[in-house]
Amino acid sequence: MRERNVALVSDLLGKYSDLRISYSLELDKQEFRLTDFALNLLKGLHGKEIVPALVNVLIEYLPGTPWESAKKSLESAHQSMVDIFGLTSEQA
């Protein structure tokens, strides 16, 4: 499924270069990080030189206090964007 998504997005961007792509991605609730599926999807996009315009992190009910859970999760997702796409912290 992930490979088909990346291929479809690549094809669409080839036809509509000004198209902006966004994703809503899930968290691994135990590890406060993006799921393996989400990380591999982002890596697949990077392989095609596609950087999403927006990544929405789906923060649900996570262990701990809501503030601390959200903070850990967003910091992890932010770092994943930096690592995968080679972005600066400000760009991510």
PDB file of N, CA and C in Angstrom:
ATOM      1  N   MET A   1       0.819  -1.187   0.000  1.00  0.00           N
ATOM      2  CA  MET A   1       0.000   0.000   0.000  1.00  0.00           C
ATOM      3  C   MET A   1       0.870   1.260   0.000  1.00  0.00           C
ATOM      4  N   ARG A   2       1.918   1.245   0.826  1.00  0.00           N
ATOM      5  CA  ARG A   2       2.802   2.396   0.926  1.00  0.00           C
ATOM      6  C   ARG A   2       3.462   2.691  -0.424  1.00  0.00           C
ATOM      7  N   GLU A   3       3.910   1.664  -1.112  1.00  0.00           N
ATOM      8  CA  GLU A   3       4.583   1.857  -2.387  1.00  0.00           C
ATOM      9  C   GLU A   3       3.636   2.450  -3.423  1.00  0.00           C
ATOM     10  N   ARG A   4       2.379   2.002  -3.411  1.00  0.00           N
ATOM     11  CA  ARG A   4       1.393   2.545  -4.353  1.00  0.00           C
ATOM     12  C   ARG A   4       1.120   4.019  -4.054  1.00  0.00           C
ATOM     13  N   ASN A   5       1.087   4.381  -2.784  1.00  0.00           N
ATOM     14  CA  ASN A   5       0.855   5.770  -2.407  1.00  0.00           C
ATOM     15  C   ASN A   5       1.982   6.647  -2.928  1.00  0.00           C
ATOM     16  N   VAL A   6       3.204   6.224  -2.718  1.00  0.00           N
ATOM     17  CA  VAL A   6       4.357   7.005  -3.164  1.00  0.00           C
ATOM     18  C   VAL A   6       4.356   7.129  -4.685  1.00  0.00           C
ATOM     19  N   ALA A   7       4.052   6.041  -5.382  1.00  0.00           N
ATOM     20  CA  ALA A   7       4.010   6.075  -6.851  1.00  0.00           C
ATOM     21  C   ALA A   7       2.909   7.013  -7.347  1.00  0.00           C
ATOM     22  N   LEU A   8       1.743   6.961  -6.718  1.00  0.00           N
ATOM     23  CA  LEU A   8       0.639   7.828  -7.102  1.00  0.00           C
ATOM     24  C   LEU A   8       0.983   9.296  -6.881  1.00  0.00           C
ATOM     25  N   VAL A   9       1.538   9.607  -5.725  1.00  0.00           N
ATOM     26  CA  VAL A   9       1.915  10.995  -5.419  1.00  0.00           C
ATOM     27  C   VAL A   9       2.975  11.479  -6.398  1.00  0.00           C
ATOM     28  N   SER A  10       3.940  10.644  -6.694  1.00  0.00           N
ATOM     29  CA  SER A  10       4.988  11.007  -7.649  1.00  0.00           C
ATOM     30  C   SER A  10       4.388  11.310  -9.017  1.00  0.00           C
ATOM     31  N   ASP A  11       3.452  10.464  -9.454  1.00  0.00           N
ATOM     32  CA  ASP A  11       2.789  10.671 -10.737  1.00  0.00           C
ATOM     33  C   ASP A  11       1.980  11.972 -10.744  1.00  0.00           C
ATOM     34  N   LEU A  12       1.226  12.204  -9.692  1.00  0.00           N
ATOM     35  CA  LEU A  12       0.430  13.434  -9.606  1.00  0.00           C
ATOM     36  C   LEU A  12       1.301  14.681  -9.614  1.00  0.00           C
ATOM     37  N   LEU A  13       2.405  14.639  -8.876  1.00  0.00           N
ATOM     38  CA  LEU A  13       3.299  15.802  -8.847  1.00  0.00           C
ATOM     39  C   LEU A  13       3.975  16.022 -10.199  1.00  0.00           C
ATOM     40  N   GLY A  14       4.155  14.943 -10.964  1.00  0.00           N
ATOM     41  CA  GLY A  14       4.690  15.082 -12.315  1.00  0.00           C
ATOM     42  C   GLY A  14       3.738  15.832 -13.229  1.00  0.00           C
ATOM     43  N   LYS A  15       2.452  15.684 -12.985  1.00  0.00           N
ATOM     44  CA  LYS A  15       1.437  16.353 -13.799  1.00  0.00           C
ATOM     45  C   LYS A  15       1.041  17.709 -13.241  1.00  0.00           C
ATOM     46  N   TYR A  16       1.082  17.836 -11.929  1.00  0.00           N
ATOM     47  CA  TYR A  16       0.639  19.071 -11.259  1.00  0.00           C
ATOM     48  C   TYR A  16       1.737  19.501 -10.282  1.00  0.00           C
ATOM     49  N   SER A  17       2.743  20.161 -10.787  1.00  0.00           N
ATOM     50  CA  SER A  17       3.918  20.476  -9.978  1.00  0.00           C
ATOM     51  C   SER A  17       3.631  21.393  -8.792  1.00  0.00           C
ATOM     52  N   ASP A  18       2.532  22.131  -8.838  1.00  0.00           N
ATOM     53  CA  ASP A  18       2.212  23.023  -7.722  1.00  0.00           C
ATOM     54  C   ASP A  18       1.315  22.362  -6.673  1.00  0.00           C
ATOM     55  N   LEU A  19       1.017  21.087  -6.846  1.00  0.00           N
ATOM     56  CA  LEU A  19       0.200  20.346  -5.894  1.00  0.00           C
ATOM     57  C   LEU A  19       0.952  20.222  -4.573  1.00  0.00           C
ATOM     58  N   ARG A  20       0.247  20.440  -3.471  1.00  0.00           N
ATOM     59  CA  ARG A  20       0.842  20.303  -2.149  1.00  0.00           C
ATOM     60  C   ARG A  20       0.242  19.067  -1.483  1.00  0.00           C
ATOM     61  N   ILE A  21       1.096  18.219  -0.959  1.00  0.00           N
ATOM     62  CA  ILE A  21       0.692  16.954  -0.365  1.00  0.00           C
ATOM     63  C   ILE A  21       0.806  17.049   1.153  1.00  0.00           C
ATOM     64  N   SER A  22      -0.195  16.543   1.847  1.00  0.00           N
ATOM     65  CA  SER A  22      -0.120  16.483   3.308  1.00  0.00           C
ATOM     66  C   SER A  22      -0.564  15.099   3.772  1.00  0.00           C
ATOM     67  N   TYR A  23      -0.094  14.722   4.942  1.00  0.00           N
ATOM     68  CA  TYR A  23      -0.415  13.424   5.526  1.00  0.00           C
ATOM     69  C   TYR A  23      -0.797  13.592   6.983  1.00  0.00           C
ATOM     70  N   SER A  24      -1.699  12.757   7.446  1.00  0.00           N
ATOM     71  CA  SER A  24      -1.993  12.592   8.865  1.00  0.00           C
ATOM     72  C   SER A  24      -1.447  11.226   9.246  1.00  0.00           C
ATOM     73  N   LEU A  25      -0.476  11.219  10.136  1.00  0.00           N
ATOM     74  CA  LEU A  25       0.235   9.986  10.453  1.00  0.00           C
ATOM     75  C   LEU A  25       0.070   9.621  11.924  1.00  0.00           C
ATOM     76  N   GLU A  26      -0.003   8.321  12.172  1.00  0.00           N
ATOM     77  CA  GLU A  26      -0.220   7.800  13.521  1.00  0.00           C
ATOM     78  C   GLU A  26       1.074   7.699  14.322  1.00  0.00           C
ATOM     79  N   LEU A  27       0.876   7.691  15.630  1.00  0.00           N
ATOM     80  CA  LEU A  27       1.973   7.495  16.568  1.00  0.00           C
ATOM     81  C   LEU A  27       1.948   6.087  17.135  1.00  0.00           C
ATOM     82  N   ASP A  28       3.129   5.583  17.456  1.00  0.00           N
ATOM     83  CA  ASP A  28       3.243   4.377  18.256  1.00  0.00           C
ATOM     84  C   ASP A  28       3.025   4.824  19.697  1.00  0.00           C
ATOM     85  N   LYS A  29       1.928   4.419  20.280  1.00  0.00           N
ATOM     86  CA  LYS A  29       1.520   4.952  21.588  1.00  0.00           C
ATOM     87  C   LYS A  29       2.464   4.565  22.722  1.00  0.00           C
ATOM     88  N   GLN A  30       3.176   3.476  22.581  1.00  0.00           N
ATOM     89  CA  GLN A  30       4.088   3.060  23.645  1.00  0.00           C
ATOM     90  C   GLN A  30       5.437   3.774  23.554  1.00  0.00           C
ATOM     91  N   GLU A  31       5.830   4.137  22.348  1.00  0.00           N
ATOM     92  CA  GLU A  31       7.170   4.699  22.164  1.00  0.00           C
ATOM     93  C   GLU A  31       7.178   6.195  21.859  1.00  0.00           C
ATOM     94  N   PHE A  32       5.998   6.816  21.792  1.00  0.00           N
ATOM     95  CA  PHE A  32       5.897   8.251  21.516  1.00  0.00           C
ATOM     96  C   PHE A  32       6.656   8.636  20.245  1.00  0.00           C
ATOM     97  N   ARG A  33       6.456   7.863  19.196  1.00  0.00           N
ATOM     98  CA  ARG A  33       7.102   8.152  17.907  1.00  0.00           C
ATOM     99  C   ARG A  33       6.149   7.751  16.801  1.00  0.00           C
ATOM    100  N   LEU A  34       6.452   8.180  15.583  1.00  0.00           N
ATOM    101  CA  LEU A  34       5.658   7.760  14.438  1.00  0.00           C
ATOM    102  C   LEU A  34       5.747   6.246  14.288  1.00  0.00           C
ATOM    103  N   THR A  35       4.671   5.641  13.797  1.00  0.00           N
ATOM    104  CA  THR A  35       4.680   4.190  13.585  1.00  0.00           C
ATOM    105  C   THR A  35       5.691   3.825  12.505  1.00  0.00           C
ATOM    106  N   ASP A  36       6.060   2.563  12.453  1.00  0.00           N
ATOM    107  CA  ASP A  36       6.973   2.096  11.407  1.00  0.00           C
ATOM    108  C   ASP A  36       6.384   2.358  10.028  1.00  0.00           C
ATOM    109  N   PHE A  37       5.057   2.151   9.883  1.00  0.00           N
ATOM    110  CA  PHE A  37       4.404   2.420   8.600  1.00  0.00           C
ATOM    111  C   PHE A  37       4.620   3.881   8.201  1.00  0.00           C
ATOM    112  N   ALA A  38       4.381   4.797   9.137  1.00  0.00           N
ATOM    113  CA  ALA A  38       4.521   6.226   8.856  1.00  0.00           C
ATOM    114  C   ALA A  38       5.964   6.575   8.498  1.00  0.00           C
ATOM    115  N   LEU A  39       6.912   6.049   9.263  1.00  0.00           N
ATOM    116  CA  LEU A  39       8.330   6.330   8.987  1.00  0.00           C
ATOM    117  C   LEU A  39       8.732   5.798   7.613  1.00  0.00           C
ATOM    118  N   ASN A  40       8.285   4.591   7.285  1.00  0.00           N
ATOM    119  CA  ASN A  40       8.629   4.012   5.985  1.00  0.00           C
ATOM    120  C   ASN A  40       7.958   4.762   4.838  1.00  0.00           C
ATOM    121  N   LEU A  41       6.748   5.271   5.056  1.00  0.00           N
ATOM    122  CA  LEU A  41       6.095   6.095   4.047  1.00  0.00           C
ATOM    123  C   LEU A  41       6.909   7.354   3.787  1.00  0.00           C
ATOM    124  N   LEU A  42       7.336   8.025   4.841  1.00  0.00           N
ATOM    125  CA  LEU A  42       8.146   9.238   4.681  1.00  0.00           C
ATOM    126  C   LEU A  42       9.470   8.929   3.981  1.00  0.00           C
ATOM    127  N   LYS A  43      10.076   7.806   4.322  1.00  0.00           N
ATOM    128  CA  LYS A  43      11.327   7.413   3.664  1.00  0.00           C
ATOM    129  C   LYS A  43      11.095   7.126   2.179  1.00  0.00           C
ATOM    130  N   GLY A  44       9.951   6.503   1.855  1.00  0.00           N
ATOM    131  CA  GLY A  44       9.613   6.254   0.456  1.00  0.00           C
ATOM    132  C   GLY A  44       9.420   7.547  -0.311  1.00  0.00           C
ATOM    133  N   LEU A  45       8.764   8.519   0.311  1.00  0.00           N
ATOM    134  CA  LEU A  45       8.602   9.836  -0.325  1.00  0.00           C
ATOM    135  C   LEU A  45       9.956  10.490  -0.544  1.00  0.00           C
ATOM    136  N   HIS A  46      10.800  10.420   0.457  1.00  0.00           N
ATOM    137  CA  HIS A  46      12.139  11.004   0.328  1.00  0.00           C
ATOM    138  C   HIS A  46      12.912  10.359  -0.827  1.00  0.00           C
ATOM    139  N   GLY A  47      12.735   9.046  -0.995  1.00  0.00           N
ATOM    140  CA  GLY A  47      13.396   8.343  -2.092  1.00  0.00           C
ATOM    141  C   GLY A  47      12.999   8.872  -3.462  1.00  0.00           C
ATOM    142  N   LYS A  48      11.811   9.462  -3.548  1.00  0.00           N
ATOM    143  CA  LYS A  48      11.335  10.068  -4.801  1.00  0.00           C
ATOM    144  C   LYS A  48      11.490  11.596  -4.773  1.00  0.00           C
ATOM    145  N   GLU A  49      12.235  12.074  -3.774  1.00  0.00           N
ATOM    146  CA  GLU A  49      12.492  13.517  -3.615  1.00  0.00           C
ATOM    147  C   GLU A  49      11.198  14.308  -3.426  1.00  0.00           C
ATOM    148  N   ILE A  50      10.257  13.722  -2.683  1.00  0.00           N
ATOM    149  CA  ILE A  50       8.986  14.373  -2.372  1.00  0.00           C
ATOM    150  C   ILE A  50       8.991  14.731  -0.889  1.00  0.00           C
ATOM    151  N   VAL A  51       8.797  16.010  -0.606  1.00  0.00           N
ATOM    152  CA  VAL A  51       8.691  16.467   0.771  1.00  0.00           C
ATOM    153  C   VAL A  51       7.253  16.943   0.991  1.00  0.00           C
ATOM    154  N   PRO A  52       6.525  16.312   1.905  1.00  0.00           N
ATOM    155  CA  PRO A  52       5.151  16.755   2.149  1.00  0.00           C
ATOM    156  C   PRO A  52       5.116  18.215   2.611  1.00  0.00           C
ATOM    157  N   ALA A  53       4.081  18.918   2.218  1.00  0.00           N
ATOM    158  CA  ALA A  53       3.909  20.301   2.664  1.00  0.00           C
ATOM    159  C   ALA A  53       3.520  20.344   4.133  1.00  0.00           C
ATOM    160  N   LEU A  54       2.844  19.295   4.588  1.00  0.00           N
ATOM    161  CA  LEU A  54       2.360  19.261   5.966  1.00  0.00           C
ATOM    162  C   LEU A  54       2.285  17.817   6.436  1.00  0.00           C
ATOM    163  N   VAL A  55       2.716  17.589   7.657  1.00  0.00           N
ATOM    164  CA  VAL A  55       2.518  16.297   8.302  1.00  0.00           C
ATOM    165  C   VAL A  55       1.785  16.569   9.608  1.00  0.00           C
ATOM    166  N   ASN A  56       0.579  16.046   9.693  1.00  0.00           N
ATOM    167  CA  ASN A  56      -0.247  16.177  10.880  1.00  0.00           C
ATOM    168  C   ASN A  56      -0.031  14.926  11.724  1.00  0.00           C
ATOM    169  N   VAL A  57       0.360  15.105  12.975  1.00  0.00           N
ATOM    170  CA  VAL A  57       0.596  13.975  13.863  1.00  0.00           C
ATOM    171  C   VAL A  57      -0.668  13.709  14.652  1.00  0.00           C
ATOM    172  N   LEU A  58      -1.172  12.494  14.542  1.00  0.00           N
ATOM    173  CA  LEU A  58      -2.402  12.116  15.227  1.00  0.00           C
ATOM    174  C   LEU A  58      -2.091  11.745  16.675  1.00  0.00           C
ATOM    175  N   ILE A  59      -2.298  12.687  17.556  1.00  0.00           N
ATOM    176  CA  ILE A  59      -2.051  12.463  18.980  1.00  0.00           C
ATOM    177  C   ILE A  59      -3.378  12.068  19.623  1.00  0.00           C
ATOM    178  N   GLU A  60      -3.409  10.850  20.099  1.00  0.00           N
ATOM    179  CA  GLU A  60      -4.604  10.358  20.767  1.00  0.00           C
ATOM    180  C   GLU A  60      -4.336  10.314  22.267  1.00  0.00           C
ATOM    181  N   TYR A  61      -5.073   9.496  22.935  1.00  0.00           N
ATOM    182  CA  TYR A  61      -4.846   9.333  24.363  1.00  0.00           C
ATOM    183  C   TYR A  61      -3.580   8.512  24.570  1.00  0.00           C
ATOM    184  N   LEU A  62      -2.563   9.149  25.074  1.00  0.00           N
ATOM    185  CA  LEU A  62      -1.283   8.506  25.285  1.00  0.00           C
ATOM    186  C   LEU A  62      -1.015   8.403  26.783  1.00  0.00           C
ATOM    187  N   PRO A  63      -0.133   7.484  27.178  1.00  0.00           N
ATOM    188  CA  PRO A  63       0.184   7.362  28.602  1.00  0.00           C
ATOM    189  C   PRO A  63       0.805   8.658  29.138  1.00  0.00           C
ATOM    190  N   GLY A  64       0.619   8.913  30.408  1.00  0.00           N
ATOM    191  CA  GLY A  64       1.201  10.091  31.041  1.00  0.00           C
ATOM    192  C   GLY A  64       0.279  11.286  30.955  1.00  0.00           C
ATOM    193  N   THR A  65       0.793  12.436  31.322  1.00  0.00           N
ATOM    194  CA  THR A  65      -0.010  13.647  31.257  1.00  0.00           C
ATOM    195  C   THR A  65      -0.188  14.065  29.805  1.00  0.00           C
ATOM    196  N   PRO A  66      -1.306  14.675  29.463  1.00  0.00           N
ATOM    197  CA  PRO A  66      -1.531  15.088  28.070  1.00  0.00           C
ATOM    198  C   PRO A  66      -0.412  15.994  27.542  1.00  0.00           C
ATOM    199  N   TRP A  67       0.022  16.946  28.339  1.00  0.00           N
ATOM    200  CA  TRP A  67       1.071  17.873  27.901  1.00  0.00           C
ATOM    201  C   TRP A  67       2.363  17.130  27.598  1.00  0.00           C
ATOM    202  N   GLU A  68       2.806  16.290  28.511  1.00  0.00           N
ATOM    203  CA  GLU A  68       4.070  15.575  28.331  1.00  0.00           C
ATOM    204  C   GLU A  68       3.979  14.600  27.161  1.00  0.00           C
ATOM    205  N   SER A  69       2.856  13.916  27.014  1.00  0.00           N
ATOM    206  CA  SER A  69       2.675  12.982  25.901  1.00  0.00           C
ATOM    207  C   SER A  69       2.745  13.715  24.566  1.00  0.00           C
ATOM    208  N   ALA A  70       2.024  14.820  24.449  1.00  0.00           N
ATOM    209  CA  ALA A  70       2.029  15.589  23.207  1.00  0.00           C
ATOM    210  C   ALA A  70       3.419  16.128  22.917  1.00  0.00           C
ATOM    211  N   LYS A  71       4.087  16.634  23.923  1.00  0.00           N
ATOM    212  CA  LYS A  71       5.434  17.198  23.749  1.00  0.00           C
ATOM    213  C   LYS A  71       6.411  16.133  23.241  1.00  0.00           C
ATOM    214  N   LYS A  72       6.438  14.987  23.884  1.00  0.00           N
ATOM    215  CA  LYS A  72       7.338  13.903  23.469  1.00  0.00           C
ATOM    216  C   LYS A  72       7.030  13.462  22.035  1.00  0.00           C
ATOM    217  N   SER A  73       5.759  13.314  21.734  1.00  0.00           N
ATOM    218  CA  SER A  73       5.352  12.836  20.415  1.00  0.00           C
ATOM    219  C   SER A  73       5.719  13.820  19.313  1.00  0.00           C
ATOM    220  N   LEU A  74       5.448  15.086  19.540  1.00  0.00           N
ATOM    221  CA  LEU A  74       5.756  16.096  18.521  1.00  0.00           C
ATOM    222  C   LEU A  74       7.256  16.289  18.354  1.00  0.00           C
ATOM    223  N   GLU A  75       8.002  16.220  19.429  1.00  0.00           N
ATOM    224  CA  GLU A  75       9.463  16.315  19.320  1.00  0.00           C
ATOM    225  C   GLU A  75      10.019  15.152  18.512  1.00  0.00           C
ATOM    226  N   SER A  76       9.490  13.964  18.737  1.00  0.00           N
ATOM    227  CA  SER A  76       9.936  12.790  17.993  1.00  0.00           C
ATOM    228  C   SER A  76       9.587  12.902  16.507  1.00  0.00           C
ATOM    229  N   ALA A  77       8.366  13.320  16.212  1.00  0.00           N
ATOM    230  CA  ALA A  77       7.950  13.480  14.817  1.00  0.00           C
ATOM    231  C   ALA A  77       8.790  14.555  14.130  1.00  0.00           C
ATOM    232  N   HIS A  78       9.050  15.634  14.836  1.00  0.00           N
ATOM    233  CA  HIS A  78       9.887  16.718  14.299  1.00  0.00           C
ATOM    234  C   HIS A  78      11.283  16.184  13.950  1.00  0.00           C
ATOM    235  N   GLN A  79      11.859  15.426  14.867  1.00  0.00           N
ATOM    236  CA  GLN A  79      13.196  14.876  14.627  1.00  0.00           C
ATOM    237  C   GLN A  79      13.187  13.893  13.461  1.00  0.00           C
ATOM    238  N   SER A  80      12.117  13.139  13.311  1.00  0.00           N
ATOM    239  CA  SER A  80      12.015  12.214  12.176  1.00  0.00           C
ATOM    240  C   SER A  80      12.038  12.978  10.862  1.00  0.00           C
ATOM    241  N   MET A  81      11.326  14.094  10.788  1.00  0.00           N
ATOM    242  CA  MET A  81      11.317  14.913   9.569  1.00  0.00           C
ATOM    243  C   MET A  81      12.714  15.458   9.274  1.00  0.00           C
ATOM    244  N   VAL A  82      13.400  15.910  10.313  1.00  0.00           N
ATOM    245  CA  VAL A  82      14.768  16.409  10.148  1.00  0.00           C
ATOM    246  C   VAL A  82      15.666  15.295   9.617  1.00  0.00           C
ATOM    247  N   ASP A  83      15.595  14.133  10.255  1.00  0.00           N
ATOM    248  CA  ASP A  83      16.473  13.014   9.892  1.00  0.00           C
ATOM    249  C   ASP A  83      16.182  12.469   8.500  1.00  0.00           C
ATOM    250  N   ILE A  84      14.921  12.246   8.176  1.00  0.00           N
ATOM    251  CA  ILE A  84      14.558  11.611   6.911  1.00  0.00           C
ATOM    252  C   ILE A  84      14.789  12.542   5.726  1.00  0.00           C
ATOM    253  N   PHE A  85      14.359  13.785   5.848  1.00  0.00           N
ATOM    254  CA  PHE A  85      14.412  14.701   4.704  1.00  0.00           C
ATOM    255  C   PHE A  85      15.628  15.619   4.702  1.00  0.00           C
ATOM    256  N   GLY A  86      16.470  15.512   5.728  1.00  0.00           N
ATOM    257  CA  GLY A  86      17.665  16.358   5.776  1.00  0.00           C
ATOM    258  C   GLY A  86      17.316  17.838   5.943  1.00  0.00           C
ATOM    259  N   LEU A  87      16.223  18.114   6.642  1.00  0.00           N
ATOM    260  CA  LEU A  87      15.777  19.487   6.848  1.00  0.00           C
ATOM    261  C   LEU A  87      16.476  20.092   8.061  1.00  0.00           C
ATOM    262  N   THR A  88      16.499  21.409   8.099  1.00  0.00           N
ATOM    263  CA  THR A  88      16.912  22.067   9.324  1.00  0.00           C
ATOM    264  C   THR A  88      15.738  21.990  10.298  1.00  0.00           C
ATOM    265  N   SER A  89      16.013  22.270  11.535  1.00  0.00           N
ATOM    266  CA  SER A  89      14.951  22.263  12.528  1.00  0.00           C
ATOM    267  C   SER A  89      13.871  23.274  12.180  1.00  0.00           C
ATOM    268  N   GLU A  90      14.278  24.436  11.674  1.00  0.00           N
ATOM    269  CA  GLU A  90      13.320  25.467  11.305  1.00  0.00           C
ATOM    270  C   GLU A  90      12.462  25.032  10.105  1.00  0.00           C
ATOM    271  N   GLN A  91      13.059  24.357   9.133  1.00  0.00           N
ATOM    272  CA  GLN A  91      12.303  23.892   7.979  1.00  0.00           C
ATOM    273  C   GLN A  91      11.286  22.829   8.379  1.00  0.00           C
ATOM    274  N   ALA A  92      11.694  21.954   9.288  1.00  0.00           N
ATOM    275  CA  ALA A  92      10.784  20.898   9.741  1.00  0.00           C
ATOM    276  C   ALA A  92       9.649  21.496  10.525  1.00  0.00           C
TER     277      ALA A  92
END
